Amino acid sequence: MAEALIALGGNVGDVRATFERAIALLCEDGTVRTVARSSDYRTPPWGVTDQPAFINAVIAVSTSLSPHALLARVQACERAFGRDRARERRWGPRPIDLDLLAYDDVALHDADLILPHPHLFERAFVLVPLAEIAADRVIAGTRVADALNRVDARGIEKLAPRGAR
């Protein structure tokens, strides 16, 4: 079994409920199993700033799927929740965004998939939740906690667990 890291994000609809349903769908056949899940974080929009704040989280999974098969599963989950990458505004509003961040220590660069994710170390909205569950993980020679220390994480707010008051 391989370990993969997947980022979740969205800013349309009940994003936190969508996360729970998407994780369940991702894991429904047993080839993907959740190992760890970060808290949810409210984050400022990135890339296109004239839109609502996002909710972001990261999960660690164990999987028997290959990197490309896992990517296909992730993209099928996005489509199941209404995401249409071909018709949406790049970095714009979306019900869900699932990004494969890393897969074991695999380095891959082809037309369909780049691993680790090419923007992983630039994005505080990914690094903050990732550091919560894998601060000491080394990806492409960089420790996650060290990468987080190099980005601006202002405006990122950890949310209380769903149902907490």
N, C-alpha and C. Protein backbone atom coordinates (compact mmCIF):
# COMPACT_ATOMS: atom_id res chain seq x y z
N MET A 1 0.84 -1.19 0.00
CA MET A 1 0.00 0.00 0.00
C MET A 1 0.88 1.24 0.00
N ALA A 2 0.48 2.20 -0.79
CA ALA A 2 1.17 3.48 -0.86
C ALA A 2 0.44 4.48 0.03
N GLU A 3 1.17 5.53 0.46
CA GLU A 3 0.52 6.62 1.17
C GLU A 3 0.49 7.83 0.26
N ALA A 4 -0.67 8.45 0.18
CA ALA A 4 -0.83 9.64 -0.63
C ALA A 4 -1.43 10.75 0.22
N LEU A 5 -1.17 11.97 -0.20
CA LEU A 5 -1.71 13.16 0.45
C LEU A 5 -2.60 13.87 -0.54
N ILE A 6 -3.80 14.21 -0.10
CA ILE A 6 -4.79 14.84 -0.96
C ILE A 6 -5.32 16.09 -0.29
N ALA A 7 -5.28 17.21 -1.02
CA ALA A 7 -5.83 18.47 -0.52
C ALA A 7 -7.28 18.59 -0.95
N LEU A 8 -8.10 19.14 -0.06
CA LEU A 8 -9.50 19.39 -0.35
C LEU A 8 -9.76 20.88 -0.20
N GLY A 9 -10.55 21.43 -1.09
CA GLY A 9 -10.91 22.83 -1.00
C GLY A 9 -12.25 23.07 -1.67
N GLY A 10 -12.86 24.18 -1.35
CA GLY A 10 -14.10 24.57 -1.99
C GLY A 10 -14.66 25.82 -1.35
N ASN A 11 -15.56 26.51 -2.09
CA ASN A 11 -16.18 27.71 -1.53
C ASN A 11 -17.60 27.93 -2.03
N VAL A 12 -18.22 26.87 -2.54
CA VAL A 12 -19.60 26.95 -3.02
C VAL A 12 -20.42 25.88 -2.30
N GLY A 13 -21.52 26.29 -1.69
CA GLY A 13 -22.39 25.34 -1.00
C GLY A 13 -21.87 24.98 0.38
N ASP A 14 -22.36 23.87 0.94
CA ASP A 14 -21.93 23.40 2.25
C ASP A 14 -20.65 22.59 2.06
N VAL A 15 -19.54 23.30 1.98
CA VAL A 15 -18.25 22.69 1.64
C VAL A 15 -17.86 21.60 2.63
N ARG A 16 -18.07 21.84 3.90
CA ARG A 16 -17.65 20.85 4.89
C ARG A 16 -18.44 19.55 4.75
N ALA A 17 -19.71 19.64 4.46
CA ALA A 17 -20.51 18.43 4.21
C ALA A 17 -20.05 17.77 2.92
N THR A 18 -19.73 18.56 1.93
CA THR A 18 -19.22 18.01 0.67
C THR A 18 -17.91 17.26 0.91
N PHE A 19 -17.03 17.81 1.75
CA PHE A 19 -15.78 17.11 2.07
C PHE A 19 -16.08 15.72 2.62
N GLU A 20 -16.99 15.63 3.59
CA GLU A 20 -17.29 14.35 4.22
C GLU A 20 -17.83 13.35 3.20
N ARG A 21 -18.72 13.82 2.34
CA ARG A 21 -19.29 12.93 1.32
C ARG A 21 -18.24 12.54 0.28
N ALA A 22 -17.37 13.47 -0.08
CA ALA A 22 -16.32 13.18 -1.07
C ALA A 22 -15.31 12.17 -0.52
N ILE A 23 -14.93 12.32 0.74
CA ILE A 23 -14.00 11.36 1.35
C ILE A 23 -14.63 9.98 1.40
N ALA A 24 -15.90 9.91 1.74
CA ALA A 24 -16.60 8.62 1.77
C ALA A 24 -16.64 7.99 0.38
N LEU A 25 -16.91 8.79 -0.63
CA LEU A 25 -16.94 8.29 -2.01
C LEU A 25 -15.55 7.82 -2.45
N LEU A 26 -14.55 8.59 -2.12
CA LEU A 26 -13.17 8.25 -2.47
C LEU A 26 -12.79 6.89 -1.88
N CYS A 27 -13.29 6.60 -0.70
CA CYS A 27 -12.90 5.39 0.04
C CYS A 27 -13.91 4.25 -0.07
N GLU A 28 -14.95 4.40 -0.84
CA GLU A 28 -16.06 3.44 -0.79
C GLU A 28 -15.72 2.02 -1.19
N ASP A 29 -14.75 1.78 -2.06
CA ASP A 29 -14.48 0.40 -2.50
C ASP A 29 -13.31 -0.26 -1.78
N GLY A 30 -12.69 0.45 -0.83
CA GLY A 30 -11.61 -0.15 -0.05
C GLY A 30 -10.22 -0.03 -0.65
N THR A 31 -10.10 0.49 -1.87
CA THR A 31 -8.77 0.65 -2.47
C THR A 31 -8.09 1.92 -1.96
N VAL A 32 -8.86 2.78 -1.31
CA VAL A 32 -8.35 3.99 -0.68
C VAL A 32 -8.90 4.01 0.74
N ARG A 33 -8.03 4.25 1.72
CA ARG A 33 -8.45 4.28 3.12
C ARG A 33 -7.86 5.52 3.78
N THR A 34 -8.69 6.28 4.46
CA THR A 34 -8.23 7.48 5.16
C THR A 34 -7.37 7.08 6.36
N VAL A 35 -6.18 7.66 6.43
CA VAL A 35 -5.25 7.41 7.54
C VAL A 35 -5.28 8.59 8.52
N ALA A 36 -5.38 9.80 7.99
CA ALA A 36 -5.41 11.00 8.83
C ALA A 36 -6.19 12.08 8.09
N ARG A 37 -6.84 12.97 8.86
CA ARG A 37 -7.57 14.09 8.29
C ARG A 37 -7.28 15.32 9.13
N SER A 38 -6.93 16.39 8.46
CA SER A 38 -6.69 17.64 9.17
C SER A 38 -8.02 18.26 9.58
N SER A 39 -7.91 19.29 10.38
CA SER A 39 -9.05 20.15 10.66
C SER A 39 -9.41 20.88 9.37
N ASP A 40 -10.57 21.51 9.37
CA ASP A 40 -10.95 22.39 8.27
C ASP A 40 -10.47 23.79 8.60
N TYR A 41 -10.09 24.52 7.56
CA TYR A 41 -9.58 25.88 7.72
C TYR A 41 -10.30 26.81 6.76
N ARG A 42 -10.68 27.98 7.26
CA ARG A 42 -11.19 29.04 6.38
C ARG A 42 -9.97 29.80 5.88
N THR A 43 -9.90 29.96 4.56
CA THR A 43 -8.71 30.57 3.96
C THR A 43 -9.11 31.64 2.95
N PRO A 44 -8.30 32.67 2.83
CA PRO A 44 -8.58 33.69 1.83
C PRO A 44 -8.46 33.08 0.42
N PRO A 45 -9.24 33.58 -0.54
CA PRO A 45 -9.11 33.09 -1.90
C PRO A 45 -7.70 33.34 -2.43
N TRP A 46 -7.26 32.47 -3.30
CA TRP A 46 -5.90 32.54 -3.86
C TRP A 46 -6.03 32.56 -5.37
N GLY A 47 -5.24 33.37 -6.04
CA GLY A 47 -5.30 33.44 -7.51
C GLY A 47 -6.34 34.44 -7.96
N VAL A 48 -7.60 34.16 -7.71
CA VAL A 48 -8.71 35.07 -8.00
C VAL A 48 -9.28 35.48 -6.65
N THR A 49 -9.12 36.76 -6.31
CA THR A 49 -9.46 37.18 -4.95
C THR A 49 -10.87 37.73 -4.79
N ASP A 50 -11.60 37.97 -5.90
CA ASP A 50 -12.95 38.52 -5.80
C ASP A 50 -13.99 37.40 -5.73
N GLN A 51 -13.90 36.60 -4.67
CA GLN A 51 -14.81 35.49 -4.45
C GLN A 51 -14.82 35.17 -2.95
N PRO A 52 -15.79 34.36 -2.51
CA PRO A 52 -15.85 34.02 -1.08
C PRO A 52 -14.63 33.25 -0.61
N ALA A 53 -14.42 33.28 0.70
CA ALA A 53 -13.33 32.51 1.31
C ALA A 53 -13.54 31.03 1.01
N PHE A 54 -12.45 30.29 1.06
CA PHE A 54 -12.48 28.84 0.84
C PHE A 54 -12.43 28.12 2.17
N ILE A 55 -12.82 26.88 2.15
CA ILE A 55 -12.57 25.95 3.24
C ILE A 55 -11.55 24.96 2.67
N ASN A 56 -10.51 24.67 3.43
CA ASN A 56 -9.46 23.74 2.98
C ASN A 56 -9.15 22.72 4.06
N ALA A 57 -8.71 21.56 3.64
CA ALA A 57 -8.29 20.48 4.53
C ALA A 57 -7.34 19.59 3.74
N VAL A 58 -6.70 18.66 4.43
CA VAL A 58 -5.83 17.67 3.78
C VAL A 58 -6.10 16.32 4.43
N ILE A 59 -6.09 15.27 3.60
CA ILE A 59 -6.17 13.92 4.12
C ILE A 59 -4.95 13.14 3.68
N ALA A 60 -4.54 12.22 4.53
CA ALA A 60 -3.53 11.21 4.18
C ALA A 60 -4.30 9.92 3.97
N VAL A 61 -3.99 9.22 2.90
CA VAL A 61 -4.67 7.96 2.61
C VAL A 61 -3.64 6.88 2.32
N SER A 62 -4.04 5.65 2.57
CA SER A 62 -3.27 4.51 2.08
C SER A 62 -4.07 3.97 0.90
N THR A 63 -3.37 3.52 -0.13
CA THR A 63 -4.06 3.08 -1.33
C THR A 63 -3.31 1.98 -2.06
N SER A 64 -4.07 1.13 -2.70
CA SER A 64 -3.49 0.12 -3.59
C SER A 64 -3.53 0.61 -5.04
N LEU A 65 -4.11 1.78 -5.27
CA LEU A 65 -4.18 2.35 -6.62
C LEU A 65 -2.84 2.94 -7.03
N SER A 66 -2.55 2.91 -8.30
CA SER A 66 -1.37 3.59 -8.84
C SER A 66 -1.61 5.10 -8.77
N PRO A 67 -0.56 5.92 -8.94
CA PRO A 67 -0.78 7.36 -8.92
C PRO A 67 -1.82 7.82 -9.95
N HIS A 68 -1.75 7.30 -11.18
CA HIS A 68 -2.71 7.73 -12.20
C HIS A 68 -4.12 7.24 -11.90
N ALA A 69 -4.25 6.04 -11.36
CA ALA A 69 -5.57 5.53 -11.00
C ALA A 69 -6.15 6.33 -9.83
N LEU A 70 -5.32 6.74 -8.89
CA LEU A 70 -5.78 7.57 -7.78
C LEU A 70 -6.22 8.94 -8.30
N LEU A 71 -5.46 9.51 -9.22
CA LEU A 71 -5.85 10.78 -9.82
C LEU A 71 -7.21 10.65 -10.51
N ALA A 72 -7.41 9.56 -11.24
CA ALA A 72 -8.70 9.35 -11.91
C ALA A 72 -9.83 9.25 -10.88
N ARG A 73 -9.57 8.58 -9.76
CA ARG A 73 -10.58 8.46 -8.70
C ARG A 73 -10.89 9.84 -8.12
N VAL A 74 -9.87 10.62 -7.85
CA VAL A 74 -10.04 11.97 -7.30
C VAL A 74 -10.87 12.83 -8.26
N GLN A 75 -10.55 12.77 -9.54
CA GLN A 75 -11.28 13.58 -10.51
C GLN A 75 -12.72 13.11 -10.67
N ALA A 76 -12.96 11.80 -10.57
CA ALA A 76 -14.33 11.28 -10.62
C ALA A 76 -15.13 11.79 -9.41
N CYS A 77 -14.49 11.87 -8.26
CA CYS A 77 -15.15 12.42 -7.06
C CYS A 77 -15.52 13.88 -7.28
N GLU A 78 -14.62 14.65 -7.85
CA GLU A 78 -14.93 16.05 -8.14
C GLU A 78 -16.16 16.16 -9.04
N ARG A 79 -16.17 15.38 -10.10
CA ARG A 79 -17.30 15.42 -11.04
C ARG A 79 -18.61 15.01 -10.35
N ALA A 80 -18.55 14.04 -9.45
CA ALA A 80 -19.74 13.58 -8.73
C ALA A 80 -20.37 14.71 -7.90
N PHE A 81 -19.56 15.70 -7.52
CA PHE A 81 -20.06 16.81 -6.72
C PHE A 81 -20.19 18.10 -7.52
N GLY A 82 -20.26 17.96 -8.84
CA GLY A 82 -20.58 19.09 -9.69
C GLY A 82 -19.41 19.88 -10.24
N ARG A 83 -18.21 19.42 -10.03
CA ARG A 83 -17.06 20.16 -10.55
C ARG A 83 -16.88 19.86 -12.02
N ASP A 84 -16.73 20.90 -12.82
CA ASP A 84 -16.47 20.76 -14.25
C ASP A 84 -15.27 21.64 -14.58
N ARG A 85 -14.09 21.04 -14.50
CA ARG A 85 -12.86 21.80 -14.71
C ARG A 85 -12.82 22.49 -16.07
N ALA A 86 -13.44 21.89 -17.08
CA ALA A 86 -13.39 22.45 -18.44
C ALA A 86 -14.20 23.75 -18.56
N ARG A 87 -15.20 23.94 -17.72
CA ARG A 87 -16.09 25.10 -17.84
C ARG A 87 -15.88 26.15 -16.75
N GLU A 88 -15.08 25.87 -15.77
CA GLU A 88 -14.97 26.82 -14.67
C GLU A 88 -13.82 27.82 -14.89
N ARG A 89 -13.91 28.88 -14.13
CA ARG A 89 -12.87 29.92 -14.14
C ARG A 89 -11.68 29.39 -13.35
N ARG A 90 -10.48 29.46 -13.92
CA ARG A 90 -9.28 28.98 -13.23
C ARG A 90 -9.14 29.71 -11.89
N TRP A 91 -8.97 28.94 -10.82
CA TRP A 91 -8.86 29.43 -9.45
C TRP A 91 -10.12 30.13 -8.95
N GLY A 92 -11.23 29.94 -9.66
CA GLY A 92 -12.49 30.58 -9.30
C GLY A 92 -13.30 29.74 -8.34
N PRO A 93 -14.55 30.16 -8.10
CA PRO A 93 -15.43 29.46 -7.19
C PRO A 93 -15.66 28.01 -7.64
N ARG A 94 -15.80 27.12 -6.66
CA ARG A 94 -16.05 25.70 -6.96
C ARG A 94 -16.61 25.00 -5.74
N PRO A 95 -17.43 23.97 -5.98
CA PRO A 95 -17.99 23.22 -4.86
C PRO A 95 -16.92 22.36 -4.18
N ILE A 96 -15.98 21.86 -4.97
CA ILE A 96 -14.91 21.03 -4.41
C ILE A 96 -13.72 21.04 -5.35
N ASP A 97 -12.56 20.95 -4.74
CA ASP A 97 -11.30 20.82 -5.47
C ASP A 97 -10.50 19.77 -4.71
N LEU A 98 -10.10 18.73 -5.40
CA LEU A 98 -9.27 17.69 -4.80
C LEU A 98 -7.97 17.64 -5.57
N ASP A 99 -6.86 17.83 -4.89
CA ASP A 99 -5.55 17.80 -5.53
C ASP A 99 -4.68 16.73 -4.91
N LEU A 100 -4.10 15.90 -5.74
CA LEU A 100 -3.14 14.89 -5.30
C LEU A 100 -1.82 15.61 -5.07
N LEU A 101 -1.41 15.70 -3.81
CA LEU A 101 -0.22 16.46 -3.44
C LEU A 101 1.05 15.63 -3.56
N ALA A 102 0.99 14.41 -3.06
CA ALA A 102 2.16 13.53 -3.05
C ALA A 102 1.69 12.09 -2.98
N TYR A 103 2.54 11.19 -3.48
CA TYR A 103 2.25 9.77 -3.48
C TYR A 103 3.55 9.08 -3.13
N ASP A 104 3.62 8.54 -1.90
CA ASP A 104 4.89 8.01 -1.38
C ASP A 104 5.99 9.02 -1.69
N ASP A 105 7.12 8.56 -2.18
CA ASP A 105 8.21 9.46 -2.57
C ASP A 105 8.33 9.55 -4.08
N VAL A 106 7.24 9.29 -4.78
CA VAL A 106 7.25 9.27 -6.24
C VAL A 106 7.45 10.68 -6.79
N ALA A 107 8.37 10.78 -7.74
CA ALA A 107 8.54 12.00 -8.53
C ALA A 107 8.08 11.65 -9.94
N LEU A 108 7.12 12.40 -10.44
CA LEU A 108 6.49 12.08 -11.73
C LEU A 108 6.18 13.37 -12.45
N HIS A 109 6.40 13.39 -13.74
CA HIS A 109 6.07 14.57 -14.53
C HIS A 109 5.67 14.11 -15.92
N ASP A 110 4.35 14.01 -16.12
CA ASP A 110 3.87 13.68 -17.46
C ASP A 110 2.68 14.58 -17.79
N ALA A 111 2.05 14.34 -18.92
CA ALA A 111 0.98 15.23 -19.38
C ALA A 111 -0.22 15.26 -18.44
N ASP A 112 -0.43 14.18 -17.69
CA ASP A 112 -1.61 14.10 -16.84
C ASP A 112 -1.37 14.37 -15.36
N LEU A 113 -0.14 14.19 -14.91
CA LEU A 113 0.12 14.24 -13.47
C LEU A 113 1.55 14.67 -13.18
N ILE A 114 1.67 15.60 -12.24
CA ILE A 114 2.98 16.01 -11.73
C ILE A 114 2.98 15.75 -10.23
N LEU A 115 3.96 14.99 -9.78
CA LEU A 115 4.12 14.68 -8.36
C LEU A 115 5.55 14.95 -7.93
N PRO A 116 5.73 15.55 -6.75
CA PRO A 116 4.68 16.17 -5.93
C PRO A 116 4.00 17.32 -6.69
N HIS A 117 2.85 17.74 -6.18
CA HIS A 117 2.09 18.83 -6.81
C HIS A 117 3.02 20.02 -7.02
N PRO A 118 3.00 20.61 -8.22
CA PRO A 118 3.97 21.66 -8.53
C PRO A 118 3.86 22.94 -7.70
N HIS A 119 2.71 23.20 -7.09
CA HIS A 119 2.53 24.43 -6.30
C HIS A 119 2.43 24.16 -4.81
N LEU A 120 2.73 22.94 -4.40
CA LEU A 120 2.58 22.53 -3.00
C LEU A 120 3.26 23.49 -2.03
N PHE A 121 4.49 23.86 -2.30
CA PHE A 121 5.26 24.65 -1.33
C PHE A 121 5.01 26.14 -1.43
N GLU A 122 4.09 26.56 -2.30
CA GLU A 122 3.75 27.98 -2.46
C GLU A 122 2.46 28.35 -1.74
N ARG A 123 1.68 27.37 -1.33
CA ARG A 123 0.31 27.62 -0.92
C ARG A 123 0.09 27.34 0.57
N ALA A 124 -0.05 28.41 1.32
CA ALA A 124 -0.29 28.28 2.76
C ALA A 124 -1.60 27.55 3.02
N PHE A 125 -2.60 27.72 2.15
CA PHE A 125 -3.89 27.07 2.37
C PHE A 125 -3.79 25.55 2.27
N VAL A 126 -2.71 25.05 1.69
CA VAL A 126 -2.44 23.61 1.67
C VAL A 126 -1.47 23.24 2.80
N LEU A 127 -0.45 24.04 2.98
CA LEU A 127 0.59 23.72 3.96
C LEU A 127 0.10 23.77 5.41
N VAL A 128 -0.81 24.67 5.73
CA VAL A 128 -1.30 24.75 7.12
C VAL A 128 -2.01 23.45 7.51
N PRO A 129 -3.02 22.99 6.75
CA PRO A 129 -3.63 21.72 7.15
C PRO A 129 -2.69 20.52 6.98
N LEU A 130 -1.82 20.55 5.99
CA LEU A 130 -0.87 19.46 5.81
C LEU A 130 0.07 19.36 7.00
N ALA A 131 0.54 20.49 7.49
CA ALA A 131 1.45 20.48 8.65
C ALA A 131 0.76 19.95 9.90
N GLU A 132 -0.56 20.12 9.99
CA GLU A 132 -1.29 19.60 11.14
C GLU A 132 -1.18 18.07 11.22
N ILE A 133 -1.18 17.40 10.07
CA ILE A 133 -1.17 15.93 10.08
C ILE A 133 0.17 15.32 9.66
N ALA A 134 1.07 16.14 9.09
CA ALA A 134 2.33 15.57 8.59
C ALA A 134 3.47 16.59 8.61
N ALA A 135 3.63 17.29 9.73
CA ALA A 135 4.63 18.36 9.83
C ALA A 135 6.04 17.89 9.53
N ASP A 136 6.37 16.67 9.92
CA ASP A 136 7.72 16.17 9.73
C ASP A 136 7.91 15.38 8.44
N ARG A 137 6.87 15.26 7.66
CA ARG A 137 6.97 14.54 6.38
C ARG A 137 7.89 15.31 5.45
N VAL A 138 8.79 14.61 4.81
CA VAL A 138 9.70 15.22 3.84
C VAL A 138 9.19 14.89 2.45
N ILE A 139 8.95 15.92 1.68
CA ILE A 139 8.46 15.79 0.31
C ILE A 139 9.45 16.51 -0.60
N ALA A 140 9.99 15.78 -1.55
CA ALA A 140 10.96 16.35 -2.50
C ALA A 140 12.10 17.07 -1.76
N GLY A 141 12.55 16.48 -0.66
CA GLY A 141 13.67 17.04 0.09
C GLY A 141 13.33 18.17 1.04
N THR A 142 12.05 18.51 1.15
CA THR A 142 11.63 19.62 2.00
C THR A 142 10.67 19.12 3.08
N ARG A 143 10.99 19.43 4.33
CA ARG A 143 10.11 19.09 5.44
C ARG A 143 8.90 20.03 5.41
N VAL A 144 7.71 19.48 5.56
CA VAL A 144 6.47 20.25 5.47
C VAL A 144 6.49 21.45 6.43
N ALA A 145 6.89 21.25 7.67
CA ALA A 145 6.91 22.36 8.65
C ALA A 145 7.85 23.47 8.19
N ASP A 146 8.97 23.12 7.58
CA ASP A 146 9.90 24.13 7.09
C ASP A 146 9.29 24.91 5.92
N ALA A 147 8.59 24.21 5.04
CA ALA A 147 7.92 24.87 3.92
C ALA A 147 6.87 25.84 4.43
N LEU A 148 6.12 25.43 5.46
CA LEU A 148 5.10 26.31 6.03
C LEU A 148 5.72 27.57 6.61
N ASN A 149 6.88 27.45 7.23
CA ASN A 149 7.55 28.62 7.81
C ASN A 149 7.98 29.64 6.76
N ARG A 150 8.00 29.26 5.49
CA ARG A 150 8.45 30.16 4.42
C ARG A 150 7.31 30.85 3.68
N VAL A 151 6.06 30.56 4.05
CA VAL A 151 4.93 31.19 3.36
C VAL A 151 4.14 32.06 4.32
N ASP A 152 3.35 32.96 3.76
CA ASP A 152 2.49 33.85 4.54
C ASP A 152 1.17 33.15 4.83
N ALA A 153 0.93 32.81 6.07
CA ALA A 153 -0.29 32.10 6.45
C ALA A 153 -1.31 33.03 7.11
N ARG A 154 -1.12 34.34 6.99
CA ARG A 154 -2.08 35.28 7.58
C ARG A 154 -3.46 35.08 6.96
N GLY A 155 -4.47 35.22 7.78
CA GLY A 155 -5.85 35.12 7.30
C GLY A 155 -6.40 33.71 7.30
N ILE A 156 -5.59 32.72 7.64
CA ILE A 156 -6.06 31.34 7.69
C ILE A 156 -6.56 31.05 9.10
N GLU A 157 -7.79 30.57 9.18
CA GLU A 157 -8.44 30.36 10.48
C GLU A 157 -8.88 28.91 10.62
N LYS A 158 -8.42 28.25 11.68
CA LYS A 158 -8.84 26.88 11.96
C LYS A 158 -10.29 26.91 12.44
N LEU A 159 -11.12 26.06 11.85
CA LEU A 159 -12.53 26.01 12.21
C LEU A 159 -12.77 24.96 13.30
N ALA A 160 -13.76 25.22 14.11
CA ALA A 160 -14.16 24.23 15.12
C ALA A 160 -14.68 23.00 14.39
N PRO A 161 -14.57 21.85 15.02
CA PRO A 161 -15.13 20.64 14.39
C PRO A 161 -16.60 20.83 14.07
N ARG A 162 -17.07 20.18 13.01
CA ARG A 162 -18.50 20.27 12.66
C ARG A 162 -19.35 19.80 13.83
N GLY A 163 -20.38 20.55 14.13
CA GLY A 163 -21.28 20.19 15.22
C GLY A 163 -20.84 20.73 16.57
N ALA A 164 -19.60 21.24 16.67
CA ALA A 164 -19.13 21.82 17.95
C ALA A 164 -19.75 23.20 18.13
N ARG A 165 -19.92 23.56 19.36
CA ARG A 165 -20.50 24.89 19.63
C ARG A 165 -19.48 25.76 20.29
